[in-house]
Amino acid sequence: FCVPCSAILSSYLLGERLNLLGKLGCLLSLVGSTVMVIHAPEDEEVTTLEEMTSKLKEPGFLAYAAILLALCLLLIFYLAPRYGQSNILIYLTICSVIGAFSVSSVKGLGIAIKGFFAGQPVLQHPLTWILVITLVASITTQINYLNKSLDIFNTSLVFPIYYVLFTTIVITTSIILFKEWVTMTVVDILGTVCGFLTIILGVFLLHAFKDMDVSLGNLPQVLQNEQPAPVTTDDKNILIEVDNSSIAPEDKPKVFMLYT
């Protein structure tokens, strides 16, 4: 729901333009988010830090985390200094990739907090402090690059694109780490995918046509003001009339030139 909220608030509070297609994109994003919530997978029950540790040590997640870390370092040290000021996807991709580590850390710290109030020695467990350090570093990096993106690009574009990228990374991380889709039915899987594709379509409408002056009032004029395509001819011989304006109209001879 952050896509329509951010677009509408930036339109009213920051004076950023939101046309008819942008409003339609917000509506589609809202519908897609609702469909995803209805068909969202259930979390796999992980109640202790030992279980969380075993999940994090699985080869599939370790390979996935290594790929994300390498991609993040490539974006930060190579692509961001060169293309970050002109390409909106650079900074937002960094925030989204780092978001995979922050979400996993929040999940683990939630388990640690429950264990702390249950009297478990979670403060002596090394995973607790690893998760705290990871969460602080990831959130700091996300805030830094998100603020850079907001300073350069339009707010109504930053949040929708960031939402799509971040949601994609989070869903992928949940699939690999917690295997949340294992118990899902075919209907729920299709509903989740369709909801996510609807959000992407809404973000596309919000981004691709943001500079068009389209509203319910001027929609007929926009459709009618299309210029007709110029008429071209394939004739090799074109007869051109050359006007000699220095001669009076009644005495002016007609001069024709034949081009082949």
C-alpha atoms as a PDB file:
ATOM      1  CA  PHE A   1       0.000   0.000   0.000  1.00  0.00           C
ATOM      2  CA  CYS A   2       3.008   2.314   0.094  1.00  0.00           C
ATOM      3  CA  VAL A   3       2.863   2.873  -3.684  1.00  0.00           C
ATOM      4  CA  PRO A   4      -0.476   4.732  -3.842  1.00  0.00           C
ATOM      5  CA  CYS A   5       0.138   6.415  -0.498  1.00  0.00           C
ATOM      6  CA  SER A   6       3.538   7.800  -1.469  1.00  0.00           C
ATOM      7  CA  ALA A   7       2.333   8.913  -4.906  1.00  0.00           C
ATOM      8  CA  ILE A   8      -0.764  10.658  -3.541  1.00  0.00           C
ATOM      9  CA  LEU A   9       1.072  12.325  -0.649  1.00  0.00           C
ATOM     10  CA  SER A  10       3.878  13.532  -2.929  1.00  0.00           C
ATOM     11  CA  SER A  11       1.230  14.944  -5.267  1.00  0.00           C
ATOM     12  CA  TYR A  12      -0.530  16.936  -2.551  1.00  0.00           C
ATOM     13  CA  LEU A  13       2.333  17.786  -0.187  1.00  0.00           C
ATOM     14  CA  LEU A  14       5.262  18.205  -2.587  1.00  0.00           C
ATOM     15  CA  GLY A  15       3.320  19.485  -5.587  1.00  0.00           C
ATOM     16  CA  GLU A  16       4.431  16.624  -7.835  1.00  0.00           C
ATOM     17  CA  ARG A  17       2.180  15.892 -10.760  1.00  0.00           C
ATOM     18  CA  LEU A  18      -0.108  12.851 -10.832  1.00  0.00           C
ATOM     19  CA  ASN A  19      -2.157  12.453 -14.015  1.00  0.00           C
ATOM     20  CA  LEU A  20      -5.019  10.091 -14.832  1.00  0.00           C
ATOM     21  CA  LEU A  21      -2.736   7.195 -15.774  1.00  0.00           C
ATOM     22  CA  GLY A  22      -0.780   7.706 -12.570  1.00  0.00           C
ATOM     23  CA  LYS A  23      -3.975   7.466 -10.531  1.00  0.00           C
ATOM     24  CA  LEU A  24      -4.913   4.318 -12.434  1.00  0.00           C
ATOM     25  CA  GLY A  25      -1.464   2.924 -11.635  1.00  0.00           C
ATOM     26  CA  CYS A  26      -2.007   3.651  -7.933  1.00  0.00           C
ATOM     27  CA  LEU A  27      -5.330   1.825  -8.066  1.00  0.00           C
ATOM     28  CA  LEU A  28      -3.763  -1.208  -9.748  1.00  0.00           C
ATOM     29  CA  SER A  29      -0.996  -1.249  -7.155  1.00  0.00           C
ATOM     30  CA  LEU A  30      -3.588  -1.209  -4.392  1.00  0.00           C
ATOM     31  CA  VAL A  31      -5.513  -4.071  -5.994  1.00  0.00           C
ATOM     32  CA  GLY A  32      -2.341  -6.090  -6.529  1.00  0.00           C
ATOM     33  CA  SER A  33      -1.238  -5.592  -2.920  1.00  0.00           C
ATOM     34  CA  THR A  34      -4.631  -6.774  -1.676  1.00  0.00           C
ATOM     35  CA  VAL A  35      -4.469  -9.902  -3.838  1.00  0.00           C
ATOM     36  CA  MET A  36      -0.967 -10.674  -2.573  1.00  0.00           C
ATOM     37  CA  VAL A  37      -2.052 -10.314   1.047  1.00  0.00           C
ATOM     38  CA  ILE A  38      -5.014 -12.641   0.493  1.00  0.00           C
ATOM     39  CA  HIS A  39      -2.846 -15.342  -1.091  1.00  0.00           C
ATOM     40  CA  ALA A  40       0.313 -14.733   0.951  1.00  0.00           C
ATOM     41  CA  PRO A  41       2.148 -17.876   2.144  1.00  0.00           C
ATOM     42  CA  GLU A  42       2.246 -18.786   5.801  1.00  0.00           C
ATOM     43  CA  ASP A  43       5.532 -18.419   7.647  1.00  0.00           C
ATOM     44  CA  GLU A  44       7.366 -21.593   8.462  1.00  0.00           C
ATOM     45  CA  GLU A  45       7.501 -22.019  12.213  1.00  0.00           C
ATOM     46  CA  VAL A  46      10.991 -21.098  13.454  1.00  0.00           C
ATOM     47  CA  THR A  47      10.988 -20.605  17.219  1.00  0.00           C
ATOM     48  CA  THR A  48      14.619 -20.793  18.379  1.00  0.00           C
ATOM     49  CA  LEU A  49      17.937 -19.291  17.380  1.00  0.00           C
ATOM     50  CA  GLU A  50      19.312 -22.780  16.783  1.00  0.00           C
ATOM     51  CA  GLU A  51      16.647 -23.380  14.133  1.00  0.00           C
ATOM     52  CA  MET A  52      17.371 -19.972  12.627  1.00  0.00           C
ATOM     53  CA  THR A  53      21.077 -20.799  12.560  1.00  0.00           C
ATOM     54  CA  SER A  54      20.434 -24.047  10.719  1.00  0.00           C
ATOM     55  CA  LYS A  55      18.338 -22.154   8.161  1.00  0.00           C
ATOM     56  CA  LEU A  56      21.083 -19.598   7.583  1.00  0.00           C
ATOM     57  CA  LYS A  57      23.709 -22.318   7.170  1.00  0.00           C
ATOM     58  CA  GLU A  58      21.901 -24.109   4.379  1.00  0.00           C
ATOM     59  CA  PRO A  59      23.972 -24.172   1.152  1.00  0.00           C
ATOM     60  CA  GLY A  60      21.172 -22.699  -0.938  1.00  0.00           C
ATOM     61  CA  PHE A  61      20.843 -19.617   1.228  1.00  0.00           C
ATOM     62  CA  LEU A  62      24.615 -19.190   1.600  1.00  0.00           C
ATOM     63  CA  ALA A  63      25.017 -19.178  -2.194  1.00  0.00           C
ATOM     64  CA  TYR A  64      22.088 -16.758  -2.541  1.00  0.00           C
ATOM     65  CA  ALA A  65      23.531 -14.423   0.111  1.00  0.00           C
ATOM     66  CA  ALA A  66      26.964 -14.504  -1.556  1.00  0.00           C
ATOM     67  CA  ILE A  67      25.428 -13.527  -4.910  1.00  0.00           C
ATOM     68  CA  LEU A  68      23.512 -10.643  -3.318  1.00  0.00           C
ATOM     69  CA  LEU A  69      26.598  -9.415  -1.492  1.00  0.00           C
ATOM     70  CA  ALA A  70      28.710  -9.502  -4.657  1.00  0.00           C
ATOM     71  CA  LEU A  71      25.985  -7.656  -6.582  1.00  0.00           C
ATOM     72  CA  CYS A  72      25.716  -5.046  -3.852  1.00  0.00           C
ATOM     73  CA  LEU A  73      29.482  -4.423  -3.813  1.00  0.00           C
ATOM     74  CA  LEU A  74      29.496  -4.115  -7.606  1.00  0.00           C
ATOM     75  CA  LEU A  75      26.689  -1.560  -7.489  1.00  0.00           C
ATOM     76  CA  ILE A  76      28.204   0.485  -4.663  1.00  0.00           C
ATOM     77  CA  PHE A  77      31.829   0.675  -5.807  1.00  0.00           C
ATOM     78  CA  TYR A  78      31.539   0.532  -9.598  1.00  0.00           C
ATOM     79  CA  LEU A  79      28.103   1.409 -10.958  1.00  0.00           C
ATOM     80  CA  ALA A  80      26.905   3.969  -8.406  1.00  0.00           C
ATOM     81  CA  PRO A  81      29.799   6.468  -8.880  1.00  0.00           C
ATOM     82  CA  ARG A  82      29.368   6.300 -12.667  1.00  0.00           C
ATOM     83  CA  TYR A  83      25.629   6.006 -13.276  1.00  0.00           C
ATOM     84  CA  GLY A  84      23.923   6.696  -9.953  1.00  0.00           C
ATOM     85  CA  GLN A  85      23.182  10.329 -10.777  1.00  0.00           C
ATOM     86  CA  SER A  86      21.410   9.491 -14.041  1.00  0.00           C
ATOM     87  CA  ASN A  87      19.887   6.030 -13.565  1.00  0.00           C
ATOM     88  CA  ILE A  88      17.166   5.671 -10.942  1.00  0.00           C
ATOM     89  CA  LEU A  89      17.631   1.894 -10.718  1.00  0.00           C
ATOM     90  CA  ILE A  90      21.185   1.983  -9.336  1.00  0.00           C
ATOM     91  CA  TYR A  91      20.506   3.422  -5.888  1.00  0.00           C
ATOM     92  CA  LEU A  92      17.165   1.651  -5.547  1.00  0.00           C
ATOM     93  CA  THR A  93      18.679  -1.714  -6.455  1.00  0.00           C
ATOM     94  CA  ILE A  94      21.271  -1.228  -3.725  1.00  0.00           C
ATOM     95  CA  CYS A  95      18.507  -0.514  -1.200  1.00  0.00           C
ATOM     96  CA  SER A  96      16.514  -3.537  -2.343  1.00  0.00           C
ATOM     97  CA  VAL A  97      19.435  -5.976  -2.297  1.00  0.00           C
ATOM     98  CA  ILE A  98      20.477  -4.820   1.172  1.00  0.00           C
ATOM     99  CA  GLY A  99      16.827  -5.245   2.186  1.00  0.00           C
ATOM    100  CA  ALA A 100      17.222  -9.022   1.910  1.00  0.00           C
ATOM    101  CA  PHE A 101      19.727  -8.940   4.783  1.00  0.00           C
ATOM    102  CA  SER A 102      17.653  -6.542   6.876  1.00  0.00           C
ATOM    103  CA  VAL A 103      14.503  -8.668   6.551  1.00  0.00           C
ATOM    104  CA  SER A 104      16.372 -11.829   7.533  1.00  0.00           C
ATOM    105  CA  SER A 105      17.938  -9.998  10.483  1.00  0.00           C
ATOM    106  CA  VAL A 106      14.580  -8.693  11.687  1.00  0.00           C
ATOM    107  CA  LYS A 107      13.138 -12.192  11.527  1.00  0.00           C
ATOM    108  CA  GLY A 108      16.018 -13.583  13.598  1.00  0.00           C
ATOM    109  CA  LEU A 109      15.930 -10.754  16.120  1.00  0.00           C
ATOM    110  CA  GLY A 110      12.209 -11.259  16.567  1.00  0.00           C
ATOM    111  CA  ILE A 111      12.912 -14.849  17.562  1.00  0.00           C
ATOM    112  CA  ALA A 112      15.685 -13.652  19.889  1.00  0.00           C
ATOM    113  CA  ILE A 113      13.391 -11.131  21.593  1.00  0.00           C
ATOM    114  CA  LYS A 114      10.746 -13.790  22.182  1.00  0.00           C
ATOM    115  CA  GLY A 115      13.401 -16.070  23.637  1.00  0.00           C
ATOM    116  CA  PHE A 116      14.731 -13.296  25.887  1.00  0.00           C
ATOM    117  CA  PHE A 117      11.330 -12.738  27.501  1.00  0.00           C
ATOM    118  CA  ALA A 118      10.932 -16.512  27.784  1.00  0.00           C
ATOM    119  CA  GLY A 119      14.109 -16.684  29.863  1.00  0.00           C
ATOM    120  CA  GLN A 120      16.384 -18.179  27.211  1.00  0.00           C
ATOM    121  CA  PRO A 121      20.095 -17.144  27.180  1.00  0.00           C
ATOM    122  CA  VAL A 122      19.847 -15.380  23.825  1.00  0.00           C
ATOM    123  CA  LEU A 123      22.424 -12.712  24.738  1.00  0.00           C
ATOM    124  CA  GLN A 124      25.096 -15.393  24.942  1.00  0.00           C
ATOM    125  CA  HIS A 125      24.240 -16.720  21.508  1.00  0.00           C
ATOM    126  CA  PRO A 126      26.625 -15.344  18.820  1.00  0.00           C
ATOM    127  CA  LEU A 127      23.861 -15.214  16.204  1.00  0.00           C
ATOM    128  CA  THR A 128      22.074 -12.491  18.167  1.00  0.00           C
ATOM    129  CA  TRP A 129      24.971 -10.053  17.852  1.00  0.00           C
ATOM    130  CA  ILE A 130      25.627 -11.025  14.238  1.00  0.00           C
ATOM    131  CA  LEU A 131      22.025 -10.181  13.421  1.00  0.00           C
ATOM    132  CA  VAL A 132      22.217  -6.868  15.297  1.00  0.00           C
ATOM    133  CA  ILE A 133      25.349  -5.794  13.406  1.00  0.00           C
ATOM    134  CA  THR A 134      23.860  -6.923  10.093  1.00  0.00           C
ATOM    135  CA  LEU A 135      20.608  -5.055  10.742  1.00  0.00           C
ATOM    136  CA  VAL A 136      22.341  -1.798  11.705  1.00  0.00           C
ATOM    137  CA  ALA A 137      24.663  -1.915   8.688  1.00  0.00           C
ATOM    138  CA  SER A 138      21.903  -2.795   6.229  1.00  0.00           C
ATOM    139  CA  ILE A 139      19.446  -0.173   7.492  1.00  0.00           C
ATOM    140  CA  THR A 140      22.140   2.517   7.456  1.00  0.00           C
ATOM    141  CA  THR A 141      23.044   1.655   3.872  1.00  0.00           C
ATOM    142  CA  GLN A 142      19.400   1.598   2.794  1.00  0.00           C
ATOM    143  CA  ILE A 143      18.657   4.991   4.323  1.00  0.00           C
ATOM    144  CA  ASN A 144      21.782   6.495   2.769  1.00  0.00           C
ATOM    145  CA  TYR A 145      21.067   5.423  -0.791  1.00  0.00           C
ATOM    146  CA  LEU A 146      17.322   5.973  -0.526  1.00  0.00           C
ATOM    147  CA  ASN A 147      17.949   9.578   0.518  1.00  0.00           C
ATOM    148  CA  LYS A 148      20.367  10.001  -2.388  1.00  0.00           C
ATOM    149  CA  SER A 149      17.713   8.730  -4.757  1.00  0.00           C
ATOM    150  CA  LEU A 150      15.071  11.043  -3.294  1.00  0.00           C
ATOM    151  CA  ASP A 151      17.413  14.039  -3.677  1.00  0.00           C
ATOM    152  CA  ILE A 152      17.825  13.375  -7.408  1.00  0.00           C
ATOM    153  CA  PHE A 153      14.640  11.755  -8.688  1.00  0.00           C
ATOM    154  CA  ASN A 154      10.898  12.314  -8.381  1.00  0.00           C
ATOM    155  CA  THR A 155       9.386  10.982  -5.159  1.00  0.00           C
ATOM    156  CA  SER A 156       6.359   9.525  -6.951  1.00  0.00           C
ATOM    157  CA  LEU A 157       8.765   7.391  -9.018  1.00  0.00           C
ATOM    158  CA  VAL A 158      11.252   6.420  -6.315  1.00  0.00           C
ATOM    159  CA  PHE A 159       8.835   4.720  -3.940  1.00  0.00           C
ATOM    160  CA  PRO A 160       6.914   2.642  -6.517  1.00  0.00           C
ATOM    161  CA  ILE A 161      10.084   1.334  -8.174  1.00  0.00           C
ATOM    162  CA  TYR A 162      11.684   0.705  -4.794  1.00  0.00           C
ATOM    163  CA  TYR A 163       8.575  -1.164  -3.688  1.00  0.00           C
ATOM    164  CA  VAL A 164       8.675  -3.507  -6.688  1.00  0.00           C
ATOM    165  CA  LEU A 165      12.398  -4.217  -6.356  1.00  0.00           C
ATOM    166  CA  PHE A 166      12.262  -4.631  -2.591  1.00  0.00           C
ATOM    167  CA  THR A 167       9.216  -6.904  -2.735  1.00  0.00           C
ATOM    168  CA  THR A 168      10.868  -9.079  -5.373  1.00  0.00           C
ATOM    169  CA  ILE A 169      13.985  -9.510  -3.245  1.00  0.00           C
ATOM    170  CA  VAL A 170      11.997 -10.187  -0.064  1.00  0.00           C
ATOM    171  CA  ILE A 171       9.793 -12.810  -1.724  1.00  0.00           C
ATOM    172  CA  THR A 172      12.839 -14.523  -3.206  1.00  0.00           C
ATOM    173  CA  THR A 173      14.616 -14.468   0.159  1.00  0.00           C
ATOM    174  CA  SER A 174      11.602 -15.956   1.929  1.00  0.00           C
ATOM    175  CA  ILE A 175      11.369 -18.732  -0.661  1.00  0.00           C
ATOM    176  CA  ILE A 176      15.020 -19.675  -0.255  1.00  0.00           C
ATOM    177  CA  LEU A 177      15.417 -19.155   3.494  1.00  0.00           C
ATOM    178  CA  PHE A 178      12.087 -20.163   5.015  1.00  0.00           C
ATOM    179  CA  LYS A 179      10.623 -22.176   2.119  1.00  0.00           C
ATOM    180  CA  GLU A 180       7.252 -20.502   2.646  1.00  0.00           C
ATOM    181  CA  TRP A 181       5.818 -21.643  -0.689  1.00  0.00           C
ATOM    182  CA  VAL A 182       6.265 -25.337  -0.007  1.00  0.00           C
ATOM    183  CA  THR A 183       2.837 -25.679   1.621  1.00  0.00           C
ATOM    184  CA  MET A 184       1.029 -23.287  -0.740  1.00  0.00           C
ATOM    185  CA  THR A 185      -1.713 -24.446  -3.086  1.00  0.00           C
ATOM    186  CA  VAL A 186      -1.672 -23.774  -6.827  1.00  0.00           C
ATOM    187  CA  VAL A 187      -4.416 -21.164  -6.416  1.00  0.00           C
ATOM    188  CA  ASP A 188      -2.406 -19.247  -3.814  1.00  0.00           C
ATOM    189  CA  ILE A 189       0.722 -19.367  -5.956  1.00  0.00           C
ATOM    190  CA  LEU A 190      -1.138 -18.045  -9.004  1.00  0.00           C
ATOM    191  CA  GLY A 191      -2.877 -15.405  -6.883  1.00  0.00           C
ATOM    192  CA  THR A 192       0.425 -14.183  -5.450  1.00  0.00           C
ATOM    193  CA  VAL A 193       2.082 -14.037  -8.868  1.00  0.00           C
ATOM    194  CA  CYS A 194      -0.903 -12.263 -10.463  1.00  0.00           C
ATOM    195  CA  GLY A 195      -1.055  -9.764  -7.613  1.00  0.00           C
ATOM    196  CA  PHE A 196       2.630  -8.986  -7.983  1.00  0.00           C
ATOM    197  CA  LEU A 197       2.319  -8.596 -11.775  1.00  0.00           C
ATOM    198  CA  THR A 198      -0.612  -6.229 -11.216  1.00  0.00           C
ATOM    199  CA  ILE A 199       1.577  -4.103  -8.956  1.00  0.00           C
ATOM    200  CA  ILE A 200       4.289  -4.019 -11.627  1.00  0.00           C
ATOM    201  CA  LEU A 201       1.708  -2.909 -14.229  1.00  0.00           C
ATOM    202  CA  GLY A 202       0.518  -0.159 -11.918  1.00  0.00           C
ATOM    203  CA  VAL A 203       4.074   1.050 -11.335  1.00  0.00           C
ATOM    204  CA  PHE A 204       4.681   1.020 -15.092  1.00  0.00           C
ATOM    205  CA  LEU A 205       1.652   3.247 -15.700  1.00  0.00           C
ATOM    206  CA  LEU A 206       2.803   5.541 -12.921  1.00  0.00           C
ATOM    207  CA  HIS A 207       6.311   5.831 -14.334  1.00  0.00           C
ATOM    208  CA  ALA A 208       6.010   5.608 -18.126  1.00  0.00           C
ATOM    209  CA  PHE A 209       3.315   8.271 -18.630  1.00  0.00           C
ATOM    210  CA  LYS A 210       4.150  10.679 -15.803  1.00  0.00           C
ATOM    211  CA  ASP A 211       4.893  13.588 -18.188  1.00  0.00           C
ATOM    212  CA  MET A 212       1.640  13.297 -20.158  1.00  0.00           C
ATOM    213  CA  ASP A 213      -1.109  15.803 -19.440  1.00  0.00           C
ATOM    214  CA  VAL A 214      -3.959  13.298 -19.259  1.00  0.00           C
ATOM    215  CA  SER A 215      -7.121  13.833 -17.232  1.00  0.00           C
ATOM    216  CA  LEU A 216     -10.823  13.109 -17.555  1.00  0.00           C
ATOM    217  CA  GLY A 217     -11.414  16.696 -18.699  1.00  0.00           C
ATOM    218  CA  ASN A 218      -8.907  16.821 -21.544  1.00  0.00           C
ATOM    219  CA  LEU A 219      -8.974  13.153 -22.551  1.00  0.00           C
ATOM    220  CA  PRO A 220     -11.143  13.765 -25.699  1.00  0.00           C
ATOM    221  CA  GLN A 221      -8.821  16.585 -26.816  1.00  0.00           C
ATOM    222  CA  VAL A 222      -5.751  14.416 -26.282  1.00  0.00           C
ATOM    223  CA  LEU A 223      -7.228  11.705 -28.472  1.00  0.00           C
ATOM    224  CA  GLN A 224      -8.381  14.146 -31.178  1.00  0.00           C
ATOM    225  CA  ASN A 225      -5.245  16.306 -31.403  1.00  0.00           C
ATOM    226  CA  GLU A 226      -3.123  13.628 -32.994  1.00  0.00           C
ATOM    227  CA  GLN A 227      -1.379  14.999 -36.095  1.00  0.00           C
ATOM    228  CA  PRO A 228      -1.988  13.064 -39.340  1.00  0.00           C
ATOM    229  CA  ALA A 229       0.971  11.276 -40.776  1.00  0.00           C
ATOM    230  CA  PRO A 230       2.700  13.146 -43.639  1.00  0.00           C
ATOM    231  CA  VAL A 231       1.884  11.933 -47.137  1.00  0.00           C
ATOM    232  CA  THR A 232       4.883  10.602 -48.998  1.00  0.00           C
ATOM    233  CA  THR A 233       5.225   9.761 -52.639  1.00  0.00           C
ATOM    234  CA  ASP A 234       7.337   7.206 -54.366  1.00  0.00           C
ATOM    235  CA  ASP A 235       7.366   9.013 -57.713  1.00  0.00           C
ATOM    236  CA  LYS A 236      10.848   9.520 -59.062  1.00  0.00           C
ATOM    237  CA  ASN A 237       9.776  12.537 -61.116  1.00  0.00           C
ATOM    238  CA  ILE A 238       8.581  15.420 -58.923  1.00  0.00           C
ATOM    239  CA  LEU A 239       7.290  18.618 -60.548  1.00  0.00           C
ATOM    240  CA  ILE A 240       8.104  21.689 -58.437  1.00  0.00           C
ATOM    241  CA  GLU A 241       6.762  25.167 -59.093  1.00  0.00           C
ATOM    242  CA  VAL A 242       9.334  27.883 -58.472  1.00  0.00           C
ATOM    243  CA  ASP A 243       7.842  31.217 -57.537  1.00  0.00           C
ATOM    244  CA  ASN A 244       9.630  34.353 -58.620  1.00  0.00           C
ATOM    245  CA  SER A 245       8.287  36.975 -56.211  1.00  0.00           C
ATOM    246  CA  SER A 246      10.095  39.880 -57.848  1.00  0.00           C
ATOM    247  CA  ILE A 247       7.654  39.833 -60.776  1.00  0.00           C
ATOM    248  CA  ALA A 248       4.130  41.146 -60.585  1.00  0.00           C
ATOM    249  CA  PRO A 249       1.435  38.509 -60.147  1.00  0.00           C
ATOM    250  CA  GLU A 250      -0.196  39.185 -63.484  1.00  0.00           C
ATOM    251  CA  ASP A 251       3.090  39.066 -65.412  1.00  0.00           C
ATOM    252  CA  LYS A 252       4.795  36.388 -63.371  1.00  0.00           C
ATOM    253  CA  PRO A 253       5.889  33.442 -65.531  1.00  0.00           C
ATOM    254  CA  LYS A 254       5.618  29.925 -64.349  1.00  0.00           C
ATOM    255  CA  VAL A 255       8.921  28.133 -64.052  1.00  0.00           C
ATOM    256  CA  PHE A 256       8.973  24.425 -63.551  1.00  0.00           C
ATOM    257  CA  MET A 257      11.922  22.211 -62.681  1.00  0.00           C
ATOM    258  CA  LEU A 258      11.958  18.506 -63.267  1.00  0.00           C
ATOM    259  CA  TYR A 259      13.895  16.416 -60.728  1.00  0.00           C
ATOM    260  CA  THR A 260      14.673  12.784 -61.431  1.00  0.00           C
END
